[in-house]
């Protein structure tokens, strides 16, 4: 599988410090494994999934052969 970032997610990722950025990228690499690895849960009341990376959350959808990450933010801000 391949991971694709939305412009919003890519912009947020670029703003982070290098240690945090590397940790999030490593978590995205684990999503590409079969089966996807990480703290993944199906979203309630919305389509898609969430990935927990420490205090950060990444919201994503899985299509045929792509993982589309459409938002990354801190735990308190992501669901607003």
N, C-alpha and C. Protein backbone atom coordinates (compact mmCIF):
# COMPACT_ATOMS: atom_id res chain seq x y z
N UNK A 1 0.83 -1.19 0.00
CA UNK A 1 0.00 0.00 0.00
C UNK A 1 0.88 1.25 0.00
N UNK A 2 0.29 2.33 -0.44
CA UNK A 2 1.00 3.59 -0.53
C UNK A 2 0.29 4.64 0.33
N UNK A 3 1.07 5.50 0.97
CA UNK A 3 0.50 6.56 1.79
C UNK A 3 0.54 7.88 1.03
N UNK A 4 -0.57 8.60 1.10
CA UNK A 4 -0.67 9.90 0.43
C UNK A 4 -1.17 10.92 1.45
N UNK A 5 -0.53 12.09 1.48
CA UNK A 5 -0.93 13.15 2.40
C UNK A 5 -1.76 14.20 1.67
N UNK A 6 -2.80 14.69 2.32
CA UNK A 6 -3.55 15.82 1.77
C UNK A 6 -2.69 17.07 1.96
N UNK A 7 -2.96 18.14 1.22
CA UNK A 7 -2.20 19.38 1.41
C UNK A 7 -2.26 19.89 2.85
N UNK A 8 -3.42 19.76 3.50
CA UNK A 8 -3.58 20.21 4.89
C UNK A 8 -2.67 19.41 5.83
N UNK A 9 -2.63 18.09 5.66
CA UNK A 9 -1.80 17.24 6.50
C UNK A 9 -0.32 17.51 6.26
N UNK A 10 0.07 17.68 5.00
CA UNK A 10 1.47 17.94 4.66
C UNK A 10 1.93 19.27 5.26
N UNK A 11 1.09 20.28 5.21
CA UNK A 11 1.42 21.60 5.76
C UNK A 11 1.65 21.50 7.27
N UNK A 12 0.78 20.77 7.97
CA UNK A 12 0.93 20.61 9.42
C UNK A 12 2.21 19.85 9.75
N UNK A 13 2.50 18.81 8.97
CA UNK A 13 3.69 17.99 9.21
C UNK A 13 4.97 18.82 9.06
N UNK A 14 4.99 19.71 8.09
CA UNK A 14 6.17 20.55 7.86
C UNK A 14 6.45 21.51 9.01
N UNK A 15 5.42 21.90 9.75
CA UNK A 15 5.58 22.85 10.85
C UNK A 15 6.19 22.22 12.10
N UNK A 16 6.16 20.89 12.19
CA UNK A 16 6.60 20.21 13.41
C UNK A 16 8.13 20.14 13.51
N UNK A 17 8.63 19.94 14.74
CA UNK A 17 10.08 19.76 14.90
C UNK A 17 10.50 18.40 14.33
N UNK A 18 11.79 18.25 14.07
CA UNK A 18 12.25 17.07 13.32
C UNK A 18 12.01 15.76 14.07
N UNK A 19 12.16 15.72 15.40
CA UNK A 19 11.93 14.48 16.14
C UNK A 19 10.48 14.03 16.02
N UNK A 20 9.55 14.96 16.20
CA UNK A 20 8.13 14.64 16.10
C UNK A 20 7.78 14.23 14.67
N UNK A 21 8.30 14.97 13.71
CA UNK A 21 8.05 14.68 12.30
C UNK A 21 8.50 13.25 11.96
N UNK A 22 9.70 12.88 12.42
CA UNK A 22 10.23 11.54 12.15
C UNK A 22 9.39 10.46 12.80
N UNK A 23 8.89 10.73 14.01
CA UNK A 23 8.04 9.76 14.72
C UNK A 23 6.74 9.53 13.96
N UNK A 24 6.15 10.61 13.44
CA UNK A 24 4.89 10.51 12.69
C UNK A 24 5.12 9.79 11.36
N UNK A 25 6.21 10.10 10.68
CA UNK A 25 6.52 9.44 9.41
C UNK A 25 6.74 7.94 9.62
N UNK A 26 7.41 7.59 10.72
CA UNK A 26 7.63 6.17 11.04
C UNK A 26 6.29 5.46 11.26
N UNK A 27 5.35 6.14 11.93
CA UNK A 27 4.02 5.57 12.17
C UNK A 27 3.28 5.37 10.84
N UNK A 28 3.48 6.31 9.89
CA UNK A 28 2.85 6.16 8.57
C UNK A 28 3.43 4.98 7.81
N UNK A 29 4.72 4.73 7.97
CA UNK A 29 5.36 3.56 7.33
C UNK A 29 4.74 2.27 7.87
N UNK A 30 4.44 2.24 9.18
CA UNK A 30 3.82 1.06 9.77
C UNK A 30 2.41 0.84 9.25
N UNK A 31 1.74 1.92 8.84
CA UNK A 31 0.40 1.80 8.25
C UNK A 31 0.45 1.06 6.92
N UNK A 32 1.58 1.18 6.21
CA UNK A 32 1.71 0.57 4.89
C UNK A 32 1.89 -0.94 4.96
N UNK A 33 2.22 -1.48 6.13
CA UNK A 33 2.41 -2.93 6.28
C UNK A 33 1.06 -3.63 6.13
N UNK A 34 1.14 -4.94 5.94
CA UNK A 34 -0.08 -5.72 5.78
C UNK A 34 -0.15 -6.76 6.89
N UNK A 35 -1.03 -6.70 7.85
CA UNK A 35 -2.05 -5.67 8.06
C UNK A 35 -1.44 -4.39 8.63
N UNK A 36 -2.13 -3.25 8.51
CA UNK A 36 -1.62 -1.99 9.05
C UNK A 36 -1.36 -2.11 10.56
N UNK A 37 -0.25 -1.52 11.00
CA UNK A 37 0.13 -1.59 12.41
C UNK A 37 0.04 -0.22 13.06
N UNK A 38 -0.22 -0.21 14.35
CA UNK A 38 -0.32 1.03 15.10
C UNK A 38 -1.61 1.05 15.91
N UNK A 39 -1.82 2.11 16.65
CA UNK A 39 -3.03 2.27 17.45
C UNK A 39 -4.11 2.86 16.55
N UNK A 40 -4.80 1.99 15.85
CA UNK A 40 -5.78 2.39 14.84
C UNK A 40 -7.18 2.06 15.35
N UNK A 41 -8.09 3.00 15.19
CA UNK A 41 -9.49 2.75 15.53
C UNK A 41 -10.38 3.33 14.45
N UNK A 42 -11.52 2.67 14.23
CA UNK A 42 -12.53 3.18 13.32
C UNK A 42 -13.19 4.39 13.99
N UNK A 43 -13.43 5.43 13.20
CA UNK A 43 -14.07 6.64 13.75
C UNK A 43 -15.55 6.37 14.00
N UNK A 44 -16.08 6.95 15.06
CA UNK A 44 -17.50 6.82 15.34
C UNK A 44 -18.23 8.05 14.84
N UNK A 45 -19.28 7.84 14.08
CA UNK A 45 -20.07 8.95 13.55
C UNK A 45 -19.49 9.60 12.31
N UNK A 46 -18.33 9.15 11.88
CA UNK A 46 -17.68 9.67 10.67
C UNK A 46 -17.10 8.50 9.90
N UNK A 47 -16.80 8.73 8.64
CA UNK A 47 -16.10 7.72 7.86
C UNK A 47 -14.62 7.81 8.16
N UNK A 48 -13.92 6.70 8.04
CA UNK A 48 -12.48 6.71 8.16
C UNK A 48 -11.98 6.16 9.49
N UNK A 49 -10.68 6.32 9.67
CA UNK A 49 -9.98 5.78 10.83
C UNK A 49 -9.12 6.86 11.45
N UNK A 50 -8.66 6.60 12.68
CA UNK A 50 -7.70 7.49 13.31
C UNK A 50 -6.50 6.67 13.76
N UNK A 51 -5.34 7.29 13.69
CA UNK A 51 -4.09 6.68 14.15
C UNK A 51 -3.56 7.54 15.28
N UNK A 52 -3.29 6.92 16.43
CA UNK A 52 -2.75 7.65 17.57
C UNK A 52 -1.24 7.55 17.54
N UNK A 53 -0.57 8.71 17.60
CA UNK A 53 0.89 8.78 17.64
C UNK A 53 1.22 9.70 18.82
N UNK A 54 1.30 9.14 20.01
CA UNK A 54 1.52 9.95 21.21
C UNK A 54 0.36 10.90 21.42
N UNK A 55 0.65 12.20 21.50
CA UNK A 55 -0.43 13.18 21.69
C UNK A 55 -1.03 13.65 20.37
N UNK A 56 -0.54 13.12 19.27
CA UNK A 56 -1.04 13.50 17.94
C UNK A 56 -1.99 12.45 17.40
N UNK A 57 -2.88 12.89 16.51
CA UNK A 57 -3.80 11.99 15.84
C UNK A 57 -3.73 12.26 14.35
N UNK A 58 -3.81 11.20 13.57
CA UNK A 58 -3.87 11.32 12.11
C UNK A 58 -5.18 10.67 11.67
N UNK A 59 -5.97 11.39 10.91
CA UNK A 59 -7.22 10.85 10.38
C UNK A 59 -6.97 10.40 8.96
N UNK A 60 -7.41 9.18 8.64
CA UNK A 60 -7.13 8.65 7.30
C UNK A 60 -8.24 7.75 6.81
N UNK A 61 -8.19 7.49 5.53
CA UNK A 61 -9.12 6.59 4.85
C UNK A 61 -8.31 5.58 4.07
N UNK A 62 -8.82 4.37 3.93
CA UNK A 62 -8.15 3.35 3.14
C UNK A 62 -8.99 3.08 1.90
N UNK A 63 -8.39 3.29 0.72
CA UNK A 63 -9.05 2.92 -0.53
C UNK A 63 -8.38 1.64 -1.03
N UNK A 64 -8.59 1.28 -2.28
CA UNK A 64 -8.10 0.00 -2.81
C UNK A 64 -6.63 -0.27 -2.47
N UNK A 65 -5.74 0.61 -2.90
CA UNK A 65 -4.31 0.38 -2.64
C UNK A 65 -3.63 1.63 -2.10
N UNK A 66 -4.42 2.55 -1.52
CA UNK A 66 -3.88 3.81 -1.01
C UNK A 66 -4.40 4.09 0.39
N UNK A 67 -3.54 4.68 1.20
CA UNK A 67 -3.94 5.21 2.49
C UNK A 67 -3.87 6.73 2.34
N UNK A 68 -4.99 7.39 2.47
CA UNK A 68 -5.03 8.85 2.30
C UNK A 68 -5.17 9.49 3.68
N UNK A 69 -4.13 10.18 4.10
CA UNK A 69 -4.13 10.87 5.38
C UNK A 69 -4.63 12.28 5.14
N UNK A 70 -5.80 12.60 5.68
CA UNK A 70 -6.40 13.89 5.37
C UNK A 70 -6.27 14.92 6.48
N UNK A 71 -5.82 14.53 7.67
CA UNK A 71 -5.60 15.53 8.72
C UNK A 71 -4.66 14.98 9.78
N UNK A 72 -3.81 15.85 10.31
CA UNK A 72 -2.93 15.54 11.43
C UNK A 72 -3.04 16.73 12.38
N UNK A 73 -3.18 16.44 13.67
CA UNK A 73 -3.23 17.52 14.65
C UNK A 73 -3.07 16.93 16.04
N UNK A 74 -3.02 17.79 17.05
CA UNK A 74 -2.93 17.31 18.43
C UNK A 74 -4.29 16.75 18.85
N UNK A 75 -4.27 15.96 19.89
CA UNK A 75 -5.46 15.27 20.34
C UNK A 75 -6.63 16.21 20.60
N UNK A 76 -6.39 17.37 21.19
CA UNK A 76 -7.46 18.29 21.54
C UNK A 76 -8.05 19.04 20.37
N UNK A 77 -7.33 19.14 19.28
CA UNK A 77 -7.76 19.96 18.15
C UNK A 77 -8.32 19.17 16.97
N UNK A 78 -7.95 17.93 16.84
CA UNK A 78 -8.25 17.16 15.62
C UNK A 78 -9.74 16.94 15.40
N UNK A 79 -10.51 16.74 16.46
CA UNK A 79 -11.92 16.37 16.31
C UNK A 79 -12.86 17.56 16.22
N UNK A 80 -12.35 18.79 16.27
CA UNK A 80 -13.19 19.98 16.22
C UNK A 80 -13.61 20.31 14.82
